[in-house]
Amino acid sequence: MEGWQETLLYIAGGYLLICLIFYFLQHYFFFRPEILPKAFEYRYPFPFDEVDFDMEDGGCINGLHFKVPNSKGVVFYLKGNSRSIKGWGKFAKDFVSKGYDFFMI
């Protein structure tokens, strides 16, 4: 086998190995929730409602709804796959200040 073919084979093998690692360990890399205590209280300088969605498996998904009077609409924000929304309410001010409700899960 020529040198360039052997190099290409090593690169392809390395790529396949990385793909397999990510496939079998994706729950560790991507889905790492932060579970907040039941008594956790969000504190923000503008009004909001806390919304809980009970899941069939006994879990609970928590959301925040920042409201403004005479809203122009609602921005629906799905935060993502890791940690929690406890520090993300600070981004609501960007939308609330422009007259939009902001709902975040």
PDB file of N, CA and C in Angstrom:
ATOM      1  N   MET A   1       0.849  -1.174   0.000  1.00  0.00           N
ATOM      2  CA  MET A   1       0.000   0.000   0.000  1.00  0.00           C
ATOM      3  C   MET A   1       0.897   1.240   0.000  1.00  0.00           C
ATOM      4  N   GLU A   2       0.528   2.216  -0.806  1.00  0.00           N
ATOM      5  CA  GLU A   2       1.315   3.439  -0.900  1.00  0.00           C
ATOM      6  C   GLU A   2       1.145   4.282   0.362  1.00  0.00           C
ATOM      7  N   GLY A   3       2.061   5.210   0.568  1.00  0.00           N
ATOM      8  CA  GLY A   3       2.061   6.053   1.763  1.00  0.00           C
ATOM      9  C   GLY A   3       0.804   6.888   1.924  1.00  0.00           C
ATOM     10  N   TRP A   4       0.324   7.479   0.821  1.00  0.00           N
ATOM     11  CA  TRP A   4      -0.855   8.338   0.922  1.00  0.00           C
ATOM     12  C   TRP A   4      -2.105   7.522   1.220  1.00  0.00           C
ATOM     13  N   GLN A   5      -2.162   6.291   0.722  1.00  0.00           N
ATOM     14  CA  GLN A   5      -3.318   5.433   0.998  1.00  0.00           C
ATOM     15  C   GLN A   5      -3.333   5.008   2.469  1.00  0.00           C
ATOM     16  N   GLU A   6      -2.158   4.731   2.985  1.00  0.00           N
ATOM     17  CA  GLU A   6      -2.064   4.350   4.395  1.00  0.00           C
ATOM     18  C   GLU A   6      -2.457   5.525   5.298  1.00  0.00           C
ATOM     19  N   THR A   7      -2.013   6.723   4.945  1.00  0.00           N
ATOM     20  CA  THR A   7      -2.379   7.921   5.700  1.00  0.00           C
ATOM     21  C   THR A   7      -3.884   8.142   5.653  1.00  0.00           C
ATOM     22  N   LEU A   8      -4.470   7.991   4.482  1.00  0.00           N
ATOM     23  CA  LEU A   8      -5.915   8.151   4.326  1.00  0.00           C
ATOM     24  C   LEU A   8      -6.674   7.118   5.159  1.00  0.00           C
ATOM     25  N   LEU A   9      -6.167   5.912   5.213  1.00  0.00           N
ATOM     26  CA  LEU A   9      -6.784   4.852   6.005  1.00  0.00           C
ATOM     27  C   LEU A   9      -6.738   5.192   7.499  1.00  0.00           C
ATOM     28  N   TYR A  10      -5.617   5.725   7.972  1.00  0.00           N
ATOM     29  CA  TYR A  10      -5.509   6.134   9.374  1.00  0.00           C
ATOM     30  C   TYR A  10      -6.466   7.281   9.693  1.00  0.00           C
ATOM     31  N   ILE A  11      -6.571   8.239   8.797  1.00  0.00           N
ATOM     32  CA  ILE A  11      -7.484   9.366   9.003  1.00  0.00           C
ATOM     33  C   ILE A  11      -8.926   8.872   9.063  1.00  0.00           C
ATOM     34  N   ALA A  12      -9.311   8.002   8.135  1.00  0.00           N
ATOM     35  CA  ALA A  12     -10.675   7.453   8.121  1.00  0.00           C
ATOM     36  C   ALA A  12     -10.942   6.633   9.384  1.00  0.00           C
ATOM     37  N   GLY A  13      -9.969   5.842   9.807  1.00  0.00           N
ATOM     38  CA  GLY A  13     -10.126   5.052  11.029  1.00  0.00           C
ATOM     39  C   GLY A  13     -10.264   5.931  12.265  1.00  0.00           C
ATOM     40  N   GLY A  14      -9.467   6.990  12.324  1.00  0.00           N
ATOM     41  CA  GLY A  14      -9.561   7.938  13.441  1.00  0.00           C
ATOM     42  C   GLY A  14     -10.906   8.639  13.476  1.00  0.00           C
ATOM     43  N   TYR A  15     -11.383   9.038  12.299  1.00  0.00           N
ATOM     44  CA  TYR A  15     -12.688   9.694  12.203  1.00  0.00           C
ATOM     45  C   TYR A  15     -13.797   8.746  12.656  1.00  0.00           C
ATOM     46  N   LEU A  16     -13.734   7.503  12.220  1.00  0.00           N
ATOM     47  CA  LEU A  16     -14.726   6.503  12.615  1.00  0.00           C
ATOM     48  C   LEU A  16     -14.698   6.279  14.125  1.00  0.00           C
ATOM     49  N   LEU A  17     -13.515   6.228  14.705  1.00  0.00           N
ATOM     50  CA  LEU A  17     -13.387   6.050  16.146  1.00  0.00           C
ATOM     51  C   LEU A  17     -14.013   7.223  16.904  1.00  0.00           C
ATOM     52  N   ILE A  18     -13.746   8.438  16.465  1.00  0.00           N
ATOM     53  CA  ILE A  18     -14.331   9.623  17.103  1.00  0.00           C
ATOM     54  C   ILE A  18     -15.854   9.599  16.991  1.00  0.00           C
ATOM     55  N   CYS A  19     -16.375   9.231  15.823  1.00  0.00           N
ATOM     56  CA  CYS A  19     -17.830   9.140  15.640  1.00  0.00           C
ATOM     57  C   CYS A  19     -18.445   8.108  16.579  1.00  0.00           C
ATOM     58  N   LEU A  20     -17.797   6.968  16.722  1.00  0.00           N
ATOM     59  CA  LEU A  20     -18.307   5.927  17.619  1.00  0.00           C
ATOM     60  C   LEU A  20     -18.276   6.378  19.078  1.00  0.00           C
ATOM     61  N   ILE A  21     -17.223   7.063  19.469  1.00  0.00           N
ATOM     62  CA  ILE A  21     -17.140   7.572  20.845  1.00  0.00           C
ATOM     63  C   ILE A  21     -18.278   8.546  21.113  1.00  0.00           C
ATOM     64  N   PHE A  22     -18.498   9.498  20.201  1.00  0.00           N
ATOM     65  CA  PHE A  22     -19.587  10.453  20.387  1.00  0.00           C
ATOM     66  C   PHE A  22     -20.950   9.776  20.370  1.00  0.00           C
ATOM     67  N   TYR A  23     -21.122   8.770  19.545  1.00  0.00           N
ATOM     68  CA  TYR A  23     -22.404   8.071  19.468  1.00  0.00           C
ATOM     69  C   TYR A  23     -22.726   7.363  20.784  1.00  0.00           C
ATOM     70  N   PHE A  24     -21.778   6.618  21.308  1.00  0.00           N
ATOM     71  CA  PHE A  24     -22.050   5.829  22.507  1.00  0.00           C
ATOM     72  C   PHE A  24     -21.975   6.641  23.802  1.00  0.00           C
ATOM     73  N   LEU A  25     -21.336   7.785  23.778  1.00  0.00           N
ATOM     74  CA  LEU A  25     -21.221   8.608  24.985  1.00  0.00           C
ATOM     75  C   LEU A  25     -21.940   9.948  24.860  1.00  0.00           C
ATOM     76  N   GLN A  26     -22.870  10.066  23.915  1.00  0.00           N
ATOM     77  CA  GLN A  26     -23.539  11.348  23.706  1.00  0.00           C
ATOM     78  C   GLN A  26     -24.339  11.798  24.920  1.00  0.00           C
ATOM     79  N   HIS A  27     -24.872  10.860  25.686  1.00  0.00           N
ATOM     80  CA  HIS A  27     -25.617  11.238  26.884  1.00  0.00           C
ATOM     81  C   HIS A  27     -24.714  11.964  27.880  1.00  0.00           C
ATOM     82  N   TYR A  28     -23.453  11.628  27.903  1.00  0.00           N
ATOM     83  CA  TYR A  28     -22.516  12.297  28.804  1.00  0.00           C
ATOM     84  C   TYR A  28     -22.083  13.660  28.257  1.00  0.00           C
ATOM     85  N   PHE A  29     -21.842  13.752  26.963  1.00  0.00           N
ATOM     86  CA  PHE A  29     -21.364  14.995  26.361  1.00  0.00           C
ATOM     87  C   PHE A  29     -22.456  16.052  26.219  1.00  0.00           C
ATOM     88  N   PHE A  30     -23.663  15.636  25.865  1.00  0.00           N
ATOM     89  CA  PHE A  30     -24.678  16.596  25.453  1.00  0.00           C
ATOM     90  C   PHE A  30     -25.834  16.779  26.430  1.00  0.00           C
ATOM     91  N   PHE A  31     -26.221  15.782  27.171  1.00  0.00           N
ATOM     92  CA  PHE A  31     -27.423  15.864  27.994  1.00  0.00           C
ATOM     93  C   PHE A  31     -27.051  15.822  29.471  1.00  0.00           C
ATOM     94  N   ARG A  32     -26.682  16.972  30.000  1.00  0.00           N
ATOM     95  CA  ARG A  32     -26.247  17.060  31.389  1.00  0.00           C
ATOM     96  C   ARG A  32     -27.082  18.111  32.110  1.00  0.00           C
ATOM     97  N   PRO A  33     -28.291  17.750  32.525  1.00  0.00           N
ATOM     98  CA  PRO A  33     -29.152  18.744  33.175  1.00  0.00           C
ATOM     99  C   PRO A  33     -28.671  19.086  34.581  1.00  0.00           C
ATOM    100  N   GLU A  34     -29.023  20.274  35.011  1.00  0.00           N
ATOM    101  CA  GLU A  34     -28.794  20.676  36.394  1.00  0.00           C
ATOM    102  C   GLU A  34     -30.145  20.603  37.087  1.00  0.00           C
ATOM    103  N   ILE A  35     -30.243  19.799  38.113  1.00  0.00           N
ATOM    104  CA  ILE A  35     -31.506  19.638  38.823  1.00  0.00           C
ATOM    105  C   ILE A  35     -31.529  20.633  39.974  1.00  0.00           C
ATOM    106  N   LEU A  36     -32.474  21.569  39.905  1.00  0.00           N
ATOM    107  CA  LEU A  36     -32.592  22.592  40.936  1.00  0.00           C
ATOM    108  C   LEU A  36     -33.474  22.080  42.070  1.00  0.00           C
ATOM    109  N   PRO A  37     -33.222  22.519  43.307  1.00  0.00           N
ATOM    110  CA  PRO A  37     -34.082  22.104  44.413  1.00  0.00           C
ATOM    111  C   PRO A  37     -35.499  22.648  44.240  1.00  0.00           C
ATOM    112  N   LYS A  38     -36.467  21.952  44.815  1.00  0.00           N
ATOM    113  CA  LYS A  38     -37.876  22.380  44.707  1.00  0.00           C
ATOM    114  C   LYS A  38     -38.071  23.794  45.244  1.00  0.00           C
ATOM    115  N   ALA A  39     -37.310  24.175  46.251  1.00  0.00           N
ATOM    116  CA  ALA A  39     -37.475  25.484  46.888  1.00  0.00           C
ATOM    117  C   ALA A  39     -36.693  26.594  46.179  1.00  0.00           C
ATOM    118  N   PHE A  40     -36.069  26.295  45.044  1.00  0.00           N
ATOM    119  CA  PHE A  40     -35.269  27.307  44.340  1.00  0.00           C
ATOM    120  C   PHE A  40     -36.164  28.457  43.895  1.00  0.00           C
ATOM    121  N   GLU A  41     -35.695  29.688  44.098  1.00  0.00           N
ATOM    122  CA  GLU A  41     -36.456  30.872  43.697  1.00  0.00           C
ATOM    123  C   GLU A  41     -35.646  31.690  42.699  1.00  0.00           C
ATOM    124  N   TYR A  42     -36.278  31.989  41.564  1.00  0.00           N
ATOM    125  CA  TYR A  42     -35.668  32.874  40.576  1.00  0.00           C
ATOM    126  C   TYR A  42     -35.856  34.306  41.050  1.00  0.00           C
ATOM    127  N   ARG A  43     -34.873  35.155  40.790  1.00  0.00           N
ATOM    128  CA  ARG A  43     -34.969  36.570  41.168  1.00  0.00           C
ATOM    129  C   ARG A  43     -34.550  37.425  39.972  1.00  0.00           C
ATOM    130  N   TYR A  44     -35.528  38.156  39.458  1.00  0.00           N
ATOM    131  CA  TYR A  44     -35.270  39.056  38.335  1.00  0.00           C
ATOM    132  C   TYR A  44     -35.973  40.381  38.596  1.00  0.00           C
ATOM    133  N   PRO A  45     -35.464  41.476  38.065  1.00  0.00           N
ATOM    134  CA  PRO A  45     -36.025  42.797  38.370  1.00  0.00           C
ATOM    135  C   PRO A  45     -37.304  43.135  37.607  1.00  0.00           C
ATOM    136  N   PHE A  46     -37.833  42.213  36.836  1.00  0.00           N
ATOM    137  CA  PHE A  46     -39.076  42.461  36.115  1.00  0.00           C
ATOM    138  C   PHE A  46     -40.015  41.286  36.345  1.00  0.00           C
ATOM    139  N   PRO A  47     -41.337  41.497  36.177  1.00  0.00           N
ATOM    140  CA  PRO A  47     -42.312  40.455  36.537  1.00  0.00           C
ATOM    141  C   PRO A  47     -42.239  39.221  35.639  1.00  0.00           C
ATOM    142  N   PHE A  48     -42.473  38.076  36.260  1.00  0.00           N
ATOM    143  CA  PHE A  48     -42.493  36.812  35.517  1.00  0.00           C
ATOM    144  C   PHE A  48     -43.324  35.797  36.285  1.00  0.00           C
ATOM    145  N   ASP A  49     -43.779  34.784  35.574  1.00  0.00           N
ATOM    146  CA  ASP A  49     -44.474  33.641  36.174  1.00  0.00           C
ATOM    147  C   ASP A  49     -43.604  32.414  35.980  1.00  0.00           C
ATOM    148  N   GLU A  50     -43.578  31.577  36.999  1.00  0.00           N
ATOM    149  CA  GLU A  50     -42.865  30.308  36.899  1.00  0.00           C
ATOM    150  C   GLU A  50     -43.875  29.231  36.527  1.00  0.00           C
ATOM    151  N   VAL A  51     -43.544  28.424  35.521  1.00  0.00           N
ATOM    152  CA  VAL A  51     -44.449  27.394  35.010  1.00  0.00           C
ATOM    153  C   VAL A  51     -43.756  26.037  35.127  1.00  0.00           C
ATOM    154  N   ASP A  52     -44.468  25.051  35.668  1.00  0.00           N
ATOM    155  CA  ASP A  52     -43.930  23.695  35.787  1.00  0.00           C
ATOM    156  C   ASP A  52     -44.721  22.749  34.902  1.00  0.00           C
ATOM    157  N   PHE A  53     -44.013  21.923  34.149  1.00  0.00           N
ATOM    158  CA  PHE A  53     -44.625  20.892  33.315  1.00  0.00           C
ATOM    159  C   PHE A  53     -44.236  19.536  33.898  1.00  0.00           C
ATOM    160  N   ASP A  54     -45.220  18.820  34.453  1.00  0.00           N
ATOM    161  CA  ASP A  54     -44.955  17.497  35.021  1.00  0.00           C
ATOM    162  C   ASP A  54     -44.887  16.469  33.902  1.00  0.00           C
ATOM    163  N   MET A  55     -43.860  15.637  33.942  1.00  0.00           N
ATOM    164  CA  MET A  55     -43.646  14.613  32.926  1.00  0.00           C
ATOM    165  C   MET A  55     -44.175  13.262  33.406  1.00  0.00           C
ATOM    166  N   GLU A  56     -44.467  12.391  32.460  1.00  0.00           N
ATOM    167  CA  GLU A  56     -44.997  11.067  32.782  1.00  0.00           C
ATOM    168  C   GLU A  56     -44.028  10.235  33.613  1.00  0.00           C
ATOM    169  N   ASP A  57     -42.729  10.461  33.445  1.00  0.00           N
ATOM    170  CA  ASP A  57     -41.741   9.669  34.184  1.00  0.00           C
ATOM    171  C   ASP A  57     -41.466  10.218  35.581  1.00  0.00           C
ATOM    172  N   GLY A  58     -42.231  11.226  36.000  1.00  0.00           N
ATOM    173  CA  GLY A  58     -42.069  11.796  37.330  1.00  0.00           C
ATOM    174  C   GLY A  58     -41.196  13.031  37.364  1.00  0.00           C
ATOM    175  N   GLY A  59     -40.562  13.356  36.269  1.00  0.00           N
ATOM    176  CA  GLY A  59     -39.722  14.544  36.202  1.00  0.00           C
ATOM    177  C   GLY A  59     -40.555  15.807  36.043  1.00  0.00           C
ATOM    178  N   CYS A  60     -39.890  16.927  36.100  1.00  0.00           N
ATOM    179  CA  CYS A  60     -40.574  18.214  35.966  1.00  0.00           C
ATOM    180  C   CYS A  60     -39.701  19.143  35.122  1.00  0.00           C
ATOM    181  N   ILE A  61     -40.301  19.745  34.116  1.00  0.00           N
ATOM    182  CA  ILE A  61     -39.598  20.736  33.295  1.00  0.00           C
ATOM    183  C   ILE A  61     -40.109  22.104  33.714  1.00  0.00           C
ATOM    184  N   ASN A  62     -39.186  22.991  33.997  1.00  0.00           N
ATOM    185  CA  ASN A  62     -39.505  24.300  34.541  1.00  0.00           C
ATOM    186  C   ASN A  62     -39.346  25.367  33.473  1.00  0.00           C
ATOM    187  N   GLY A  63     -40.266  26.318  33.442  1.00  0.00           N
ATOM    188  CA  GLY A  63     -40.189  27.421  32.496  1.00  0.00           C
ATOM    189  C   GLY A  63     -40.466  28.748  33.172  1.00  0.00           C
ATOM    190  N   LEU A  64     -40.051  29.820  32.528  1.00  0.00           N
ATOM    191  CA  LEU A  64     -40.310  31.171  33.014  1.00  0.00           C
ATOM    192  C   LEU A  64     -41.020  31.956  31.926  1.00  0.00           C
ATOM    193  N   HIS A  65     -42.045  32.709  32.328  1.00  0.00           N
ATOM    194  CA  HIS A  65     -42.790  33.536  31.385  1.00  0.00           C
ATOM    195  C   HIS A  65     -42.713  34.980  31.870  1.00  0.00           C
ATOM    196  N   PHE A  66     -41.942  35.781  31.163  1.00  0.00           N
ATOM    197  CA  PHE A  66     -41.803  37.202  31.466  1.00  0.00           C
ATOM    198  C   PHE A  66     -42.868  37.942  30.673  1.00  0.00           C
ATOM    199  N   LYS A  67     -43.700  38.714  31.368  1.00  0.00           N
ATOM    200  CA  LYS A  67     -44.845  39.357  30.718  1.00  0.00           C
ATOM    201  C   LYS A  67     -44.705  40.873  30.725  1.00  0.00           C
ATOM    202  N   VAL A  68     -45.227  41.482  29.657  1.00  0.00           N
ATOM    203  CA  VAL A  68     -45.317  42.941  29.578  1.00  0.00           C
ATOM    204  C   VAL A  68     -46.748  43.312  29.214  1.00  0.00           C
ATOM    205  N   PRO A  69     -47.226  44.467  29.659  1.00  0.00           N
ATOM    206  CA  PRO A  69     -48.571  44.898  29.256  1.00  0.00           C
ATOM    207  C   PRO A  69     -48.603  45.225  27.760  1.00  0.00           C
ATOM    208  N   ASN A  70     -49.703  44.937  27.123  1.00  0.00           N
ATOM    209  CA  ASN A  70     -49.887  45.217  25.689  1.00  0.00           C
ATOM    210  C   ASN A  70     -48.745  44.632  24.852  1.00  0.00           C
ATOM    211  N   SER A  71     -48.490  43.373  25.049  1.00  0.00           N
ATOM    212  CA  SER A  71     -47.390  42.689  24.378  1.00  0.00           C
ATOM    213  C   SER A  71     -47.547  42.699  22.855  1.00  0.00           C
ATOM    214  N   LYS A  72     -46.434  42.839  22.139  1.00  0.00           N
ATOM    215  CA  LYS A  72     -46.428  42.758  20.673  1.00  0.00           C
ATOM    216  C   LYS A  72     -46.447  41.309  20.203  1.00  0.00           C
ATOM    217  N   GLY A  73     -46.140  40.390  21.106  1.00  0.00           N
ATOM    218  CA  GLY A  73     -46.073  38.973  20.778  1.00  0.00           C
ATOM    219  C   GLY A  73     -45.264  38.248  21.832  1.00  0.00           C
ATOM    220  N   VAL A  74     -44.983  36.992  21.566  1.00  0.00           N
ATOM    221  CA  VAL A  74     -44.231  36.171  22.515  1.00  0.00           C
ATOM    222  C   VAL A  74     -42.996  35.595  21.824  1.00  0.00           C
ATOM    223  N   VAL A  75     -41.860  35.715  22.470  1.00  0.00           N
ATOM    224  CA  VAL A  75     -40.646  35.046  22.021  1.00  0.00           C
ATOM    225  C   VAL A  75     -40.564  33.739  22.802  1.00  0.00           C
ATOM    226  N   PHE A  76     -40.572  32.616  22.098  1.00  0.00           N
ATOM    227  CA  PHE A  76     -40.531  31.286  22.715  1.00  0.00           C
ATOM    228  C   PHE A  76     -39.117  30.755  22.576  1.00  0.00           C
ATOM    229  N   TYR A  77     -38.436  30.602  23.701  1.00  0.00           N
ATOM    230  CA  TYR A  77     -37.020  30.240  23.695  1.00  0.00           C
ATOM    231  C   TYR A  77     -36.825  28.881  24.350  1.00  0.00           C
ATOM    232  N   LEU A  78     -36.274  27.942  23.605  1.00  0.00           N
ATOM    233  CA  LEU A  78     -35.919  26.633  24.139  1.00  0.00           C
ATOM    234  C   LEU A  78     -34.431  26.664  24.450  1.00  0.00           C
ATOM    235  N   LYS A  79     -34.092  26.661  25.704  1.00  0.00           N
ATOM    236  CA  LYS A  79     -32.721  26.903  26.151  1.00  0.00           C
ATOM    237  C   LYS A  79     -31.723  25.886  25.632  1.00  0.00           C
ATOM    238  N   GLY A  80     -32.039  24.624  25.686  1.00  0.00           N
ATOM    239  CA  GLY A  80     -31.071  23.655  25.187  1.00  0.00           C
ATOM    240  C   GLY A  80     -30.908  22.461  26.096  1.00  0.00           C
ATOM    241  N   ASN A  81     -29.750  21.840  26.014  1.00  0.00           N
ATOM    242  CA  ASN A  81     -29.600  20.512  26.571  1.00  0.00           C
ATOM    243  C   ASN A  81     -28.735  20.398  27.811  1.00  0.00           C
ATOM    244  N   SER A  82     -28.199  21.450  28.330  1.00  0.00           N
ATOM    245  CA  SER A  82     -27.333  21.293  29.489  1.00  0.00           C
ATOM    246  C   SER A  82     -27.637  22.349  30.543  1.00  0.00           C
ATOM    247  N   ARG A  83     -27.306  21.987  31.759  1.00  0.00           N
ATOM    248  CA  ARG A  83     -27.476  22.870  32.914  1.00  0.00           C
ATOM    249  C   ARG A  83     -28.947  23.244  33.098  1.00  0.00           C
ATOM    250  N   SER A  84     -29.225  24.468  33.544  1.00  0.00           N
ATOM    251  CA  SER A  84     -30.601  24.883  33.820  1.00  0.00           C
ATOM    252  C   SER A  84     -30.827  26.295  33.286  1.00  0.00           C
ATOM    253  N   ILE A  85     -32.050  26.787  33.467  1.00  0.00           N
ATOM    254  CA  ILE A  85     -32.377  28.130  32.976  1.00  0.00           C
ATOM    255  C   ILE A  85     -32.153  29.199  34.036  1.00  0.00           C
ATOM    256  N   LYS A  86     -31.581  28.833  35.186  1.00  0.00           N
ATOM    257  CA  LYS A  86     -31.500  29.777  36.302  1.00  0.00           C
ATOM    258  C   LYS A  86     -30.734  31.060  35.972  1.00  0.00           C
ATOM    259  N   GLY A  87     -29.771  31.021  35.116  1.00  0.00           N
ATOM    260  CA  GLY A  87     -29.014  32.223  34.790  1.00  0.00           C
ATOM    261  C   GLY A  87     -29.393  32.862  33.466  1.00  0.00           C
ATOM    262  N   TRP A  88     -30.374  32.289  32.788  1.00  0.00           N
ATOM    263  CA  TRP A  88     -30.704  32.753  31.446  1.00  0.00           C
ATOM    264  C   TRP A  88     -31.804  33.805  31.414  1.00  0.00           C
ATOM    265  N   GLY A  89     -32.456  34.051  32.527  1.00  0.00           N
ATOM    266  CA  GLY A  89     -33.508  35.064  32.568  1.00  0.00           C
ATOM    267  C   GLY A  89     -32.994  36.458  32.266  1.00  0.00           C
ATOM    268  N   LYS A  90     -31.693  36.665  32.456  1.00  0.00           N
ATOM    269  CA  LYS A  90     -31.112  37.981  32.177  1.00  0.00           C
ATOM    270  C   LYS A  90     -31.272  38.380  30.711  1.00  0.00           C
ATOM    271  N   PHE A  91     -31.437  37.389  29.830  1.00  0.00           N
ATOM    272  CA  PHE A  91     -31.617  37.700  28.413  1.00  0.00           C
ATOM    273  C   PHE A  91     -33.043  38.135  28.093  1.00  0.00           C
ATOM    274  N   ALA A  92     -33.958  37.924  29.027  1.00  0.00           N
ATOM    275  CA  ALA A  92     -35.348  38.331  28.816  1.00  0.00           C
ATOM    276  C   ALA A  92     -35.458  39.847  28.680  1.00  0.00           C
ATOM    277  N   LYS A  93     -34.583  40.587  29.350  1.00  0.00           N
ATOM    278  CA  LYS A  93     -34.671  42.052  29.309  1.00  0.00           C
ATOM    279  C   LYS A  93     -34.553  42.594  27.887  1.00  0.00           C
ATOM    280  N   ASP A  94     -33.802  41.902  27.030  1.00  0.00           N
ATOM    281  CA  ASP A  94     -33.650  42.350  25.647  1.00  0.00           C
ATOM    282  C   ASP A  94     -34.988  42.357  24.911  1.00  0.00           C
ATOM    283  N   PHE A  95     -35.853  41.413  25.231  1.00  0.00           N
ATOM    284  CA  PHE A  95     -37.146  41.309  24.558  1.00  0.00           C
ATOM    285  C   PHE A  95     -38.235  42.070  25.303  1.00  0.00           C
ATOM    286  N   VAL A  96     -38.221  41.979  26.631  1.00  0.00           N
ATOM    287  CA  VAL A  96     -39.216  42.673  27.447  1.00  0.00           C
ATOM    288  C   VAL A  96     -39.110  44.180  27.232  1.00  0.00           C
ATOM    289  N   SER A  97     -37.898  44.697  27.125  1.00  0.00           N
ATOM    290  CA  SER A  97     -37.704  46.140  26.928  1.00  0.00           C
ATOM    291  C   SER A  97     -38.225  46.621  25.577  1.00  0.00           C
ATOM    292  N   LYS A  98     -38.399  45.692  24.635  1.00  0.00           N
ATOM    293  CA  LYS A  98     -38.924  46.045  23.309  1.00  0.00           C
ATOM    294  C   LYS A  98     -40.409  45.719  23.177  1.00  0.00           C
ATOM    295  N   GLY A  99     -41.056  45.315  24.294  1.00  0.00           N
ATOM    296  CA  GLY A  99     -42.497  45.100  24.293  1.00  0.00           C
ATOM    297  C   GLY A  99     -42.953  43.690  23.988  1.00  0.00           C
ATOM    298  N   TYR A 100     -42.065  42.714  24.098  1.00  0.00           N
ATOM    299  CA  TYR A 100     -42.428  41.321  23.829  1.00  0.00           C
ATOM    300  C   TYR A 100     -42.440  40.509  25.121  1.00  0.00           C
ATOM    301  N   ASP A 101     -43.411  39.606  25.238  1.00  0.00           N
ATOM    302  CA  ASP A 101     -43.348  38.597  26.290  1.00  0.00           C
ATOM    303  C   ASP A 101     -42.209  37.651  25.936  1.00  0.00           C
ATOM    304  N   PHE A 102     -41.659  37.015  26.953  1.00  0.00           N
ATOM    305  CA  PHE A 102     -40.544  36.091  26.739  1.00  0.00           C
ATOM    306  C   PHE A 102     -40.820  34.831  27.541  1.00  0.00           C
ATOM    307  N   PHE A 103     -40.974  33.704  26.841  1.00  0.00           N
ATOM    308  CA  PHE A 103     -41.237  32.424  27.501  1.00  0.00           C
ATOM    309  C   PHE A 103     -40.056  31.506  27.248  1.00  0.00           C
ATOM    310  N   MET A 104     -39.495  31.000  28.335  1.00  0.00           N
ATOM    311  CA  MET A 104     -38.265  30.220  28.230  1.00  0.00           C
ATOM    312  C   MET A 104     -38.413  28.894  28.965  1.00  0.00           C
ATOM    313  N   ILE A 105     -37.982  27.817  28.285  1.00  0.00           N
ATOM    314  CA  ILE A 105     -37.941  26.484  28.901  1.00  0.00           C
ATOM    315  C   ILE A 105     -36.503  26.005  28.810  1.00  0.00           C
TER     316      ILE A 105
END
